[in-house]
Amino acid sequence: MINIASIPTKQVLVAIDIAKSRHEVLIAFPNKKRRKKMSILSNKKDYDRLVSYLQSLDASVSIGFEPTGNYHRTLVHYLYRAGFELWSCPGIVPLLKPHILRTRRI
């Protein structure tokens, strides 16, 4: 779980659970306990909807995702081209042992 006090001011954190045809998105806002959830399909229309929403926020956005098979590639490429900060996070390891979190900035 995200510790709200640890989110930098004006930093929006986004976690994306990658799947074959639909991705689940969780958006955490600074200084707020409530989070926004979205489901997006693996298509340009939903990618545009997500990018438009994230760009409308008055904050920097950092996006973390788990690379699942090849299913993440189109979405990650789309978000990269939109200029977002992206972080690749491997599997369930961070949940079990956060001290060995191995992320890779893209």
Protein backbone atom coordinates (compact mmCIF):
# COMPACT_ATOMS: atom_id res chain seq x y z
CA MET A 1 0.00 0.00 0.00
CA ILE A 2 1.21 3.50 -0.76
CA ASN A 3 1.99 5.67 2.22
CA ILE A 4 0.25 8.94 1.33
CA ALA A 5 2.81 10.95 3.30
CA SER A 6 5.59 9.58 1.09
CA ILE A 7 4.13 10.82 -2.21
CA PRO A 8 6.03 13.94 -3.30
CA THR A 9 3.99 17.12 -3.56
CA LYS A 10 2.46 17.53 -7.01
CA GLN A 11 3.46 13.97 -8.00
CA VAL A 12 0.73 11.66 -9.28
CA LEU A 13 1.58 7.96 -9.07
CA VAL A 14 0.00 5.54 -11.52
CA ALA A 15 0.11 1.74 -11.29
CA ILE A 16 -0.99 -0.34 -14.27
CA ASP A 17 -1.84 -4.02 -14.05
CA ILE A 18 -1.18 -5.33 -17.55
CA ALA A 19 -3.34 -8.09 -19.06
CA LYS A 20 -4.04 -9.43 -22.54
CA SER A 21 -7.09 -7.40 -23.49
CA ARG A 22 -7.77 -5.07 -20.55
CA HIS A 23 -5.50 -3.15 -18.18
CA GLU A 24 -6.43 -1.96 -14.69
CA VAL A 25 -5.15 1.48 -13.73
CA LEU A 26 -4.84 2.86 -10.19
CA ILE A 27 -4.07 6.56 -9.79
CA ALA A 28 -2.86 7.99 -6.45
CA PHE A 29 -2.99 11.74 -5.95
CA PRO A 30 -0.78 13.73 -3.56
CA ASN A 31 -2.41 14.73 -0.27
CA LYS A 32 -5.52 12.62 -0.94
CA LYS A 33 -6.47 9.27 0.54
CA ARG A 34 -8.88 8.34 -2.24
CA ARG A 35 -7.55 6.86 -5.44
CA LYS A 36 -9.05 6.68 -8.91
CA LYS A 37 -9.49 3.36 -10.67
CA MET A 38 -9.86 2.93 -14.41
CA SER A 39 -10.10 -0.01 -16.77
CA ILE A 40 -8.79 0.43 -20.28
CA LEU A 41 -8.91 -1.90 -23.24
CA SER A 42 -5.90 -2.58 -25.41
CA ASN A 43 -6.88 -0.15 -28.15
CA LYS A 44 -6.00 3.34 -29.31
CA LYS A 45 -9.30 4.86 -28.17
CA ASP A 46 -8.73 3.84 -24.54
CA TYR A 47 -5.03 4.71 -24.70
CA ASP A 48 -6.07 8.20 -25.85
CA ARG A 49 -8.58 8.42 -22.99
CA LEU A 50 -5.92 7.53 -20.42
CA VAL A 51 -3.30 9.90 -21.87
CA SER A 52 -5.83 12.76 -22.07
CA TYR A 53 -6.85 12.24 -18.45
CA LEU A 54 -3.26 12.08 -17.18
CA GLN A 55 -2.23 15.15 -19.20
CA SER A 56 -5.18 17.09 -17.77
CA LEU A 57 -3.80 16.71 -14.24
CA ASP A 58 -1.85 19.67 -12.90
CA ALA A 59 1.05 17.52 -11.68
CA SER A 60 3.94 15.42 -12.86
CA VAL A 61 2.97 11.80 -13.47
CA SER A 62 5.07 8.73 -12.76
CA ILE A 63 3.77 5.41 -14.12
CA GLY A 64 4.76 1.95 -12.91
CA PHE A 65 3.77 -1.26 -14.64
CA GLU A 66 4.56 -4.95 -14.61
CA PRO A 67 5.80 -6.14 -18.01
CA THR A 68 3.54 -9.11 -18.73
CA GLY A 69 4.50 -11.16 -21.76
CA ASN A 70 4.29 -8.84 -24.74
CA TYR A 71 0.97 -7.32 -23.68
CA HIS A 72 2.57 -4.22 -22.14
CA ARG A 73 4.48 -3.15 -25.25
CA THR A 74 1.83 -1.15 -27.11
CA LEU A 75 0.62 0.73 -24.03
CA VAL A 76 4.14 1.47 -22.79
CA HIS A 77 5.18 2.71 -26.23
CA TYR A 78 2.10 4.94 -26.36
CA LEU A 79 2.77 6.38 -22.88
CA TYR A 80 6.46 6.86 -23.69
CA ARG A 81 5.60 8.79 -26.86
CA ALA A 82 3.25 10.97 -24.76
CA GLY A 83 6.23 11.93 -22.56
CA PHE A 84 5.41 10.22 -19.25
CA GLU A 85 7.98 8.93 -16.77
CA LEU A 86 7.74 5.12 -16.89
CA TRP A 87 9.00 2.49 -14.47
CA SER A 88 9.12 -1.24 -15.15
CA CYS A 89 8.43 -3.22 -11.95
CA PRO A 90 8.87 -7.01 -11.89
CA GLY A 91 6.04 -9.24 -10.64
CA ILE A 92 4.93 -9.73 -7.10
CA VAL A 93 8.42 -9.43 -5.59
CA PRO A 94 7.93 -5.79 -4.48
CA LEU A 95 4.82 -6.76 -2.52
CA LEU A 96 6.56 -9.58 -0.68
CA LYS A 97 9.97 -8.01 -0.13
CA PRO A 98 9.95 -4.25 -0.82
CA HIS A 99 13.62 -3.91 0.13
CA ILE A 100 14.62 -5.85 -2.99
CA LEU A 101 12.48 -3.81 -5.35
CA ARG A 102 14.18 -3.77 -8.73
CA THR A 103 12.74 -1.15 -10.96
CA ARG A 104 14.02 0.09 -14.23
CA ARG A 105 13.31 3.52 -15.57
CA ILE A 106 12.37 3.61 -19.21
